[in-house]
Protein backbone atom coordinates (compact mmCIF):
# COMPACT_ATOMS: atom_id res chain seq x y z
CA UNK A 1 -11.73 7.49 -0.44
CA UNK A 2 -12.02 8.74 -3.97
CA UNK A 3 -11.64 12.19 -5.45
CA UNK A 4 -15.28 13.30 -5.14
CA UNK A 5 -15.39 12.60 -1.40
CA UNK A 6 -12.04 14.36 -0.94
CA UNK A 7 -13.47 17.47 -2.56
CA UNK A 8 -16.53 17.35 -0.33
CA UNK A 9 -14.44 17.08 2.83
CA UNK A 10 -11.77 19.61 2.03
CA UNK A 11 -13.45 22.09 -0.32
CA UNK A 12 -10.37 21.90 -2.57
CA UNK A 13 -10.62 21.87 -6.33
CA UNK A 14 -8.27 19.10 -7.42
CA UNK A 15 -8.84 17.97 -10.98
CA UNK A 16 -9.43 21.50 -12.25
CA UNK A 17 -6.43 22.88 -10.36
CA UNK A 18 -8.48 25.40 -8.35
CA UNK A 19 -8.32 26.59 -4.74
CA UNK A 20 -11.16 28.84 -3.67
CA UNK A 21 -11.94 29.59 -7.31
CA UNK A 22 -8.48 30.90 -8.23
CA UNK A 23 -6.23 29.23 -10.79
CA UNK A 24 -3.15 27.50 -9.42
CA UNK A 25 -0.87 29.47 -11.77
CA UNK A 26 -2.10 32.73 -10.36
CA UNK A 27 -1.73 31.55 -6.78
CA UNK A 28 1.75 30.16 -7.38
CA UNK A 29 2.91 33.58 -8.48
CA UNK A 30 2.15 35.06 -5.07
CA UNK A 31 5.08 35.88 -2.75
CA UNK A 32 3.67 33.69 0.08
CA UNK A 33 3.23 30.57 -2.04
CA UNK A 34 5.61 27.96 -3.39
CA UNK A 35 4.78 25.46 -6.12
CA UNK A 36 6.23 21.97 -6.38
CA UNK A 37 5.71 19.57 -9.29
CA UNK A 38 6.27 15.87 -8.69
CA UNK A 39 6.73 13.58 -11.70
CA UNK A 40 7.01 9.84 -11.09
CA UNK A 41 7.25 6.37 -12.61
CA UNK A 42 6.99 2.79 -11.42
CA UNK A 43 7.47 -0.72 -12.82
CA UNK A 44 9.16 0.46 -16.03
CA UNK A 45 10.58 -3.07 -16.42
CA UNK A 46 13.44 -2.29 -18.81
CA UNK A 47 11.06 -0.90 -21.46
CA UNK A 48 13.60 1.31 -23.20
CA UNK A 49 11.69 1.90 -26.45
CA UNK A 50 7.98 2.52 -27.08
CA UNK A 51 5.77 -0.54 -27.54
CA UNK A 52 5.72 -1.56 -31.21
CA UNK A 53 2.57 -1.67 -33.35
CA UNK A 54 0.45 -4.70 -32.60
CA UNK A 55 0.89 -4.39 -28.84
CA UNK A 56 -2.78 -3.78 -28.14
CA UNK A 57 -3.62 -0.81 -25.94
CA UNK A 58 0.10 -0.17 -25.35
CA UNK A 59 0.96 0.22 -29.06
CA UNK A 60 3.13 3.27 -29.55
CA UNK A 61 3.24 4.19 -25.85
CA UNK A 62 6.18 4.57 -23.51
CA UNK A 63 9.89 4.84 -24.15
CA UNK A 64 12.67 6.66 -22.28
CA UNK A 65 13.16 9.29 -25.02
CA UNK A 66 9.52 10.41 -24.99
CA UNK A 67 9.38 10.39 -21.22
CA UNK A 68 12.56 12.41 -21.02
CA UNK A 69 11.08 15.01 -23.36
CA UNK A 70 8.04 15.30 -21.12
CA UNK A 71 10.19 15.66 -18.00
CA UNK A 72 12.30 18.36 -19.66
CA UNK A 73 9.13 20.21 -20.70
CA UNK A 74 7.83 20.37 -17.12
CA UNK A 75 11.26 21.26 -15.77
CA UNK A 76 11.34 24.27 -18.03
CA UNK A 77 7.99 25.58 -16.74
CA UNK A 78 8.00 24.42 -13.11
CA UNK A 79 9.18 26.49 -10.17
CA UNK A 80 10.50 23.35 -8.42
CA UNK A 81 10.37 19.75 -9.62
CA UNK A 82 11.01 16.27 -8.19
CA UNK A 83 11.43 13.14 -10.37
CA UNK A 84 10.89 9.87 -8.48
CA UNK A 85 10.51 6.14 -9.11
CA UNK A 86 8.79 3.41 -7.10
CA UNK A 87 10.83 0.39 -8.17
CA UNK A 88 11.00 -2.51 -10.63
CA UNK A 89 13.24 -0.55 -12.95
CA UNK A 90 14.67 -3.82 -14.24
CA UNK A 91 13.52 -7.01 -16.00
CA UNK A 92 11.09 -7.35 -18.85
CA UNK A 93 12.97 -6.86 -22.14
CA UNK A 94 16.22 -8.22 -23.63
CA UNK A 95 17.99 -5.01 -22.67
CA UNK A 96 18.15 -6.25 -19.10
CA UNK A 97 19.26 -9.72 -20.14
CA UNK A 98 22.03 -8.29 -22.28
CA UNK A 99 23.29 -5.41 -20.10
CA UNK A 100 22.12 -6.26 -16.56
CA UNK A 101 20.58 -2.85 -15.88
CA UNK A 102 23.41 -0.63 -17.09
CA UNK A 103 21.30 1.04 -19.78
CA UNK A 104 18.32 1.65 -17.51
CA UNK A 105 20.42 3.22 -14.76
CA UNK A 106 22.40 5.37 -17.19
CA UNK A 107 19.20 6.70 -18.74
CA UNK A 108 17.58 7.43 -15.38
CA UNK A 109 20.72 9.19 -14.22
CA UNK A 110 20.78 11.33 -17.35
CA UNK A 111 17.13 12.21 -16.84
CA UNK A 112 17.99 13.49 -13.37
CA UNK A 113 15.92 11.27 -11.08
CA UNK A 114 15.97 12.55 -7.53
CA UNK A 115 15.37 9.15 -5.89
CA UNK A 116 14.03 5.62 -6.39
CA UNK A 117 13.09 2.76 -4.12
CA UNK A 118 13.98 -0.88 -4.73
CA UNK A 119 11.48 -3.24 -6.31
CA UNK A 120 11.63 -7.04 -6.14
CA UNK A 121 12.98 -7.23 -9.73
CA UNK A 122 16.02 -5.19 -8.77
CA UNK A 123 17.25 -8.47 -7.25
CA UNK A 124 16.89 -10.46 -10.49
CA UNK A 125 20.64 -10.50 -11.15
CA UNK A 126 21.33 -11.04 -7.45
CA UNK A 127 22.70 -8.51 -5.02
CA UNK A 128 26.15 -8.75 -6.59
CA UNK A 129 24.59 -8.02 -9.98
CA UNK A 130 22.93 -4.88 -8.62
CA UNK A 131 26.11 -3.73 -6.90
CA UNK A 132 27.98 -4.21 -10.18
CA UNK A 133 25.75 -1.50 -11.70
CA UNK A 134 26.43 1.02 -8.93
CA UNK A 135 28.99 3.05 -10.92
CA UNK A 136 26.21 3.88 -13.40
CA UNK A 137 23.70 5.09 -10.79
CA UNK A 138 23.69 8.84 -10.17
CA UNK A 139 20.64 9.05 -7.92
CA UNK A 140 19.95 7.71 -4.42
CA UNK A 141 18.02 4.54 -3.61
CA UNK A 142 15.88 4.69 -0.47
CA UNK A 143 14.48 1.81 1.53
CA UNK A 144 13.57 1.67 5.22
CA UNK A 145 12.35 -1.90 5.78
CA UNK A 146 15.10 -4.00 4.19
CA UNK A 147 18.11 -4.66 6.39
CA UNK A 148 21.10 -4.87 4.05
CA UNK A 149 23.73 -4.78 6.80
CA UNK A 150 24.94 -8.33 6.09
CA UNK A 151 25.04 -7.93 2.29
CA UNK A 152 27.12 -6.20 -0.36
CA UNK A 153 24.49 -3.40 -0.42
CA UNK A 154 25.39 -2.31 3.13
CA UNK A 155 25.86 1.45 3.21
CA UNK A 156 24.62 1.93 -0.36
CA UNK A 157 20.87 2.31 0.32
CA UNK A 158 19.62 5.33 2.25
CA UNK A 159 17.00 4.79 4.93
CA UNK A 160 15.55 8.20 4.05
CA UNK A 161 16.65 11.53 2.63
CA UNK A 162 15.69 15.20 2.69
CA UNK A 163 15.57 17.14 -0.57
CA UNK A 164 15.42 20.92 -0.52
CA UNK A 165 13.47 22.67 -3.25
CA UNK A 166 13.57 26.41 -2.71
CA UNK A 167 12.18 27.05 0.79
CA UNK A 168 10.68 23.54 0.98
CA UNK A 169 12.12 20.50 2.73
CA UNK A 170 10.78 17.27 1.26
CA UNK A 171 11.33 14.04 3.20
CA UNK A 172 11.51 10.83 1.16
CA UNK A 173 11.70 7.21 2.32
CA UNK A 174 11.03 3.81 0.75
CA UNK A 175 9.21 0.59 1.57
CA UNK A 176 9.68 -2.79 -0.13
CA UNK A 177 7.56 -5.92 -0.41
CA UNK A 178 8.23 -9.22 1.36
CA UNK A 179 10.84 -11.10 -0.68
CA UNK A 180 10.30 -14.63 0.65
CA UNK A 181 8.27 -16.60 -1.87
CA UNK A 182 8.59 -13.83 -4.45
CA UNK A 183 12.33 -13.73 -5.12
CA UNK A 184 14.65 -16.78 -4.98
CA UNK A 185 16.63 -16.66 -1.72
CA UNK A 186 19.95 -16.87 -3.55
CA UNK A 187 19.19 -13.53 -5.21
CA UNK A 188 18.49 -11.50 -2.06
CA UNK A 189 20.90 -13.39 0.23
CA UNK A 190 21.00 -12.15 3.81
CA UNK A 191 18.59 -9.26 3.22
CA UNK A 192 16.12 -9.10 6.11
CA UNK A 193 12.54 -7.94 5.57
CA UNK A 194 11.10 -5.79 8.40
CA UNK A 195 7.47 -5.00 9.10
CA UNK A 196 6.80 -1.79 7.09
CA UNK A 197 3.99 -0.38 9.27
CA UNK A 198 5.91 0.60 12.42
CA UNK A 199 8.91 1.61 10.33
CA UNK A 200 6.80 3.89 8.12
CA UNK A 201 5.36 5.53 11.24
CA UNK A 202 8.80 5.98 12.79
CA UNK A 203 10.58 7.32 9.71
CA UNK A 204 7.81 9.68 8.62
CA UNK A 205 7.47 11.02 12.16
CA UNK A 206 11.20 11.69 12.35
CA UNK A 207 11.16 13.45 8.99
CA UNK A 208 8.29 15.70 10.05
CA UNK A 209 9.31 16.41 13.65
CA UNK A 210 13.09 16.24 13.73
CA UNK A 211 13.97 17.16 10.16
CA UNK A 212 11.14 19.73 9.97
CA UNK A 213 10.05 18.53 6.54
CA UNK A 214 7.15 20.37 4.93
CA UNK A 215 6.02 17.26 3.04
CA UNK A 216 6.78 13.53 3.44
CA UNK A 217 6.73 11.12 0.51
CA UNK A 218 6.80 7.33 0.74
CA UNK A 219 8.12 5.53 -2.34
CA UNK A 220 6.39 2.18 -1.97
CA UNK A 221 6.82 -1.13 -3.74
CA UNK A 222 4.21 -2.86 -1.54
CA UNK A 223 1.30 -2.73 -4.02
CA UNK A 224 -1.78 -0.52 -4.02
CA UNK A 225 -4.37 -2.78 -2.36
CA UNK A 226 -5.20 -6.47 -1.84
CA UNK A 227 -8.34 -8.43 -1.02
CA UNK A 228 -6.45 -9.95 1.94
CA UNK A 229 -4.93 -8.19 4.95
CA UNK A 230 -1.54 -8.05 3.19
CA UNK A 231 0.26 -4.77 3.80
CA UNK A 232 -0.36 -2.33 0.94
CA UNK A 233 -0.26 1.38 0.19
CA UNK A 234 -3.83 1.74 1.42
CA UNK A 235 -2.99 -0.05 4.70
CA UNK A 236 0.12 2.10 5.21
CA UNK A 237 -1.85 5.29 4.58
CA UNK A 238 -4.62 4.37 7.02
CA UNK A 239 -2.12 3.48 9.75
CA UNK A 240 0.13 6.50 9.32
CA UNK A 241 0.25 9.94 10.92
CA UNK A 242 2.88 11.91 9.01
CA UNK A 243 2.88 10.63 5.42
CA UNK A 244 1.49 13.10 2.88
CA UNK A 245 1.94 11.15 -0.37
CA UNK A 246 2.53 7.51 -1.30
CA UNK A 247 3.92 6.88 -4.76
CA UNK A 248 3.32 3.20 -5.35
CA UNK A 249 4.32 0.28 -7.52
CA UNK A 250 4.27 -3.51 -7.84
CA UNK A 251 0.55 -4.06 -8.62
CA UNK A 252 0.74 -2.24 -11.98
CA UNK A 253 -2.32 -0.18 -11.03
CA UNK A 254 -3.32 2.40 -13.64
CA UNK A 255 -4.74 5.59 -12.11
CA UNK A 256 -5.99 8.61 -14.01
CA UNK A 257 -5.30 10.68 -10.93
CA UNK A 258 -4.33 10.20 -7.29
CA UNK A 259 -6.80 8.79 -4.79
CA UNK A 260 -7.11 9.80 -1.15
CA UNK A 261 -7.12 7.75 2.03
CA UNK A 262 -7.46 9.14 5.58
CA UNK A 263 -4.80 8.52 8.19
CA UNK A 264 -5.10 7.95 11.94
CA UNK A 265 -5.44 11.68 12.47
CA UNK A 266 -8.20 11.94 9.86
CA UNK A 267 -5.89 13.81 7.51
CA UNK A 268 -5.63 13.08 3.77
CA UNK A 269 -2.91 10.90 2.29
CA UNK A 270 -2.56 10.93 -1.50
CA UNK A 271 -1.78 7.62 -3.24
CA UNK A 272 -0.75 7.44 -6.86
CA UNK A 273 0.54 4.76 -9.27
CA UNK A 274 0.94 4.73 -13.04
CA UNK A 275 0.62 1.17 -14.29
CA UNK A 276 3.68 -0.42 -15.84
CA UNK A 277 6.31 -0.24 -18.58
CA UNK A 278 6.56 3.54 -18.59
CA UNK A 279 3.35 4.05 -20.57
CA UNK A 280 2.23 6.72 -18.09
CA UNK A 281 3.99 9.53 -16.25
CA UNK A 282 2.58 10.49 -12.86
CA UNK A 283 2.14 14.22 -12.33
CA UNK A 284 1.22 15.89 -9.02
CA UNK A 285 1.32 19.62 -8.35
CA UNK A 286 1.43 21.03 -4.83
CA UNK A 287 0.97 24.53 -3.50
CA UNK A 288 2.48 25.42 -0.12
CA UNK A 289 1.38 28.44 1.83
CA UNK A 290 4.21 30.07 3.75
CA UNK A 291 2.46 30.75 7.05
CA UNK A 292 -0.23 28.04 7.43
CA UNK A 293 1.66 25.44 5.35
CA UNK A 294 -1.64 24.54 3.71
CA UNK A 295 -1.49 22.48 0.53
CA UNK A 296 -3.55 22.19 -2.59
CA UNK A 297 -2.97 19.02 -4.58
CA UNK A 298 -3.83 18.52 -8.23
CA UNK A 299 -3.01 15.34 -10.15
CA UNK A 300 -3.65 14.28 -13.74
CA UNK A 301 -1.46 11.39 -14.86
CA UNK A 302 -0.19 11.56 -18.43
CA UNK A 303 0.07 8.94 -21.18
CA UNK A 304 3.53 8.74 -22.74
CA UNK A 305 2.86 8.65 -26.47
């Protein structure tokens, strides 16, 4: 369901950042309200520098330095901020071929990412190649539907995590795409793929009920939507009960703003994705009410240029 229908059903002003006619900035200043800004990327694919002239629509866009400046800008003005990634950090430029991911992970660590999930291209140097880069990674990876217990990644990937931002508890977990037929078996080794639908329901339910999280985020590298019945972000959202936001990757889907699907309890689930190669930065702002825990979501994704 798109933004217009979401507005009709909820009465929330999303694109203009309004709730009941009042600006978000004014509301966020109230003692009973807490504001959270979520910035996110996906499928950056080792694009360290901006695209050079002559790159078509991407000319002059992207680059870690510009994206870092944008992140620092919003950190300086945001009450609380999360920086997240939905996978495929690696592969796509000679930087990966030369350094195996070291540069990408060092830059993300310096930017202060709070978490990332694993994309299929994180396996492109094999599991041993990824483990080799672990000393350069200063943020957690989350994935709930890959079983790494019989690999060198055992104990290195978190099933889920809880991040506290002021009075808020934010639950984060990750989902990865089926690797068979997509990644050579020698690269993922004994990694076992598990059905993401029941796992997403179990993990998100535990984060909401047992961990008492105010908001649950799924970092997904499943893909936004397919013409077949293949599991996607849309399918996960429709079959969920406790997921509030899905930050997606893999399909390189460019969105100007988040879209909304409705879960099994007829509650809204935001889905957002920002294309590829770091040419866009996802931006979602949330308002939490202390007593009713109501939320107002506003999202306008930003070009990095």
